[in-house]
Amino acid sequence: MAEKMKVSNKFNRKPIIIAAAAIMFILALMLAITVPKQVQAQQLAEQLDLGDKYVSELDYEQASHI
């Protein structure tokens, strides 16, 4: 009887492991999608700030190259 309990415990862990792996995969996928967007937004903000700086200095040549 004790042997049957050990065997059934191993099979009960399998769905939990599969669910945990699926959750980790989904989290990794979400990070892979959101992190590049944040980096792009930060780069855009830096470029806009640099363009504003050149325009305020009346350096239109440099501002047009951004």
C-alpha atoms as a PDB file:
ATOM      1  CA  MET A   1       0.000   0.000   0.000  1.00  0.00           C
ATOM      2  CA  ALA A   2       2.852   2.383   0.835  1.00  0.00           C
ATOM      3  CA  GLU A   3       4.425   1.720  -2.568  1.00  0.00           C
ATOM      4  CA  LYS A   4       1.251   2.804  -4.347  1.00  0.00           C
ATOM      5  CA  MET A   5       1.288   6.103  -2.425  1.00  0.00           C
ATOM      6  CA  LYS A   6       4.889   6.799  -3.518  1.00  0.00           C
ATOM      7  CA  VAL A   7       4.072   6.150  -7.155  1.00  0.00           C
ATOM      8  CA  SER A   8       0.973   8.347  -7.110  1.00  0.00           C
ATOM      9  CA  ASN A   9       2.911  11.227  -5.496  1.00  0.00           C
ATOM     10  CA  LYS A  10       5.362  11.233  -8.418  1.00  0.00           C
ATOM     11  CA  PHE A  11       2.529  11.498 -10.905  1.00  0.00           C
ATOM     12  CA  ASN A  12       0.879  14.323  -8.961  1.00  0.00           C
ATOM     13  CA  ARG A  13       4.028  16.461  -9.276  1.00  0.00           C
ATOM     14  CA  LYS A  14       4.133  16.312 -13.057  1.00  0.00           C
ATOM     15  CA  PRO A  15       1.218  18.747 -13.679  1.00  0.00           C
ATOM     16  CA  ILE A  16       2.689  21.160 -11.133  1.00  0.00           C
ATOM     17  CA  ILE A  17       6.078  21.088 -12.853  1.00  0.00           C
ATOM     18  CA  ILE A  18       4.454  21.590 -16.255  1.00  0.00           C
ATOM     19  CA  ALA A  19       2.386  24.510 -14.952  1.00  0.00           C
ATOM     20  CA  ALA A  20       5.448  26.115 -13.341  1.00  0.00           C
ATOM     21  CA  ALA A  21       7.419  25.750 -16.572  1.00  0.00           C
ATOM     22  CA  ALA A  22       4.565  27.287 -18.555  1.00  0.00           C
ATOM     23  CA  ILE A  23       4.353  30.240 -16.169  1.00  0.00           C
ATOM     24  CA  MET A  24       8.115  30.795 -16.398  1.00  0.00           C
ATOM     25  CA  PHE A  25       7.923  30.661 -20.196  1.00  0.00           C
ATOM     26  CA  ILE A  26       5.102  33.214 -20.262  1.00  0.00           C
ATOM     27  CA  LEU A  27       7.000  35.548 -17.918  1.00  0.00           C
ATOM     28  CA  ALA A  28      10.146  35.277 -20.046  1.00  0.00           C
ATOM     29  CA  LEU A  29       8.106  36.026 -23.161  1.00  0.00           C
ATOM     30  CA  MET A  30       6.541  39.082 -21.535  1.00  0.00           C
ATOM     31  CA  LEU A  31       9.969  40.383 -20.544  1.00  0.00           C
ATOM     32  CA  ALA A  32      11.288  39.802 -24.053  1.00  0.00           C
ATOM     33  CA  ILE A  33       8.460  41.934 -25.435  1.00  0.00           C
ATOM     34  CA  THR A  34       8.388  44.790 -22.908  1.00  0.00           C
ATOM     35  CA  VAL A  35      12.095  45.411 -22.282  1.00  0.00           C
ATOM     36  CA  PRO A  36      12.979  46.354 -25.885  1.00  0.00           C
ATOM     37  CA  LYS A  37      10.014  48.743 -25.999  1.00  0.00           C
ATOM     38  CA  GLN A  38      11.267  50.480 -22.857  1.00  0.00           C
ATOM     39  CA  VAL A  39      14.747  50.794 -24.359  1.00  0.00           C
ATOM     40  CA  GLN A  40      13.324  52.250 -27.577  1.00  0.00           C
ATOM     41  CA  ALA A  41      11.250  54.760 -25.611  1.00  0.00           C
ATOM     42  CA  GLN A  42      14.307  55.818 -23.626  1.00  0.00           C
ATOM     43  CA  GLN A  43      16.383  56.260 -26.805  1.00  0.00           C
ATOM     44  CA  LEU A  44      13.605  58.316 -28.375  1.00  0.00           C
ATOM     45  CA  ALA A  45      13.424  60.564 -25.316  1.00  0.00           C
ATOM     46  CA  GLU A  46      17.198  61.083 -25.429  1.00  0.00           C
ATOM     47  CA  GLN A  47      17.068  61.989 -29.121  1.00  0.00           C
ATOM     48  CA  LEU A  48      14.218  64.440 -28.558  1.00  0.00           C
ATOM     49  CA  ASP A  49      16.115  66.079 -25.683  1.00  0.00           C
ATOM     50  CA  LEU A  50      19.209  66.387 -27.857  1.00  0.00           C
ATOM     51  CA  GLY A  51      17.135  67.904 -30.684  1.00  0.00           C
ATOM     52  CA  ASP A  52      15.604  70.406 -28.267  1.00  0.00           C
ATOM     53  CA  LYS A  53      19.082  71.345 -27.066  1.00  0.00           C
ATOM     54  CA  TYR A  54      20.314  72.029 -30.598  1.00  0.00           C
ATOM     55  CA  VAL A  55      17.209  74.036 -31.497  1.00  0.00           C
ATOM     56  CA  SER A  56      17.521  76.134 -28.340  1.00  0.00           C
ATOM     57  CA  GLU A  57      21.160  76.836 -29.261  1.00  0.00           C
ATOM     58  CA  LEU A  58      19.993  77.759 -32.796  1.00  0.00           C
ATOM     59  CA  ASP A  59      22.196  75.001 -34.205  1.00  0.00           C
ATOM     60  CA  TYR A  60      19.712  73.877 -36.817  1.00  0.00           C
ATOM     61  CA  GLU A  61      22.316  71.935 -38.802  1.00  0.00           C
ATOM     62  CA  GLN A  62      22.992  69.550 -35.901  1.00  0.00           C
ATOM     63  CA  ALA A  63      19.288  69.388 -35.022  1.00  0.00           C
ATOM     64  CA  SER A  64      18.438  68.224 -38.543  1.00  0.00           C
ATOM     65  CA  HIS A  65      20.884  65.293 -38.336  1.00  0.00           C
ATOM     66  CA  ILE A  66      19.144  63.645 -35.418  1.00  0.00           C
END
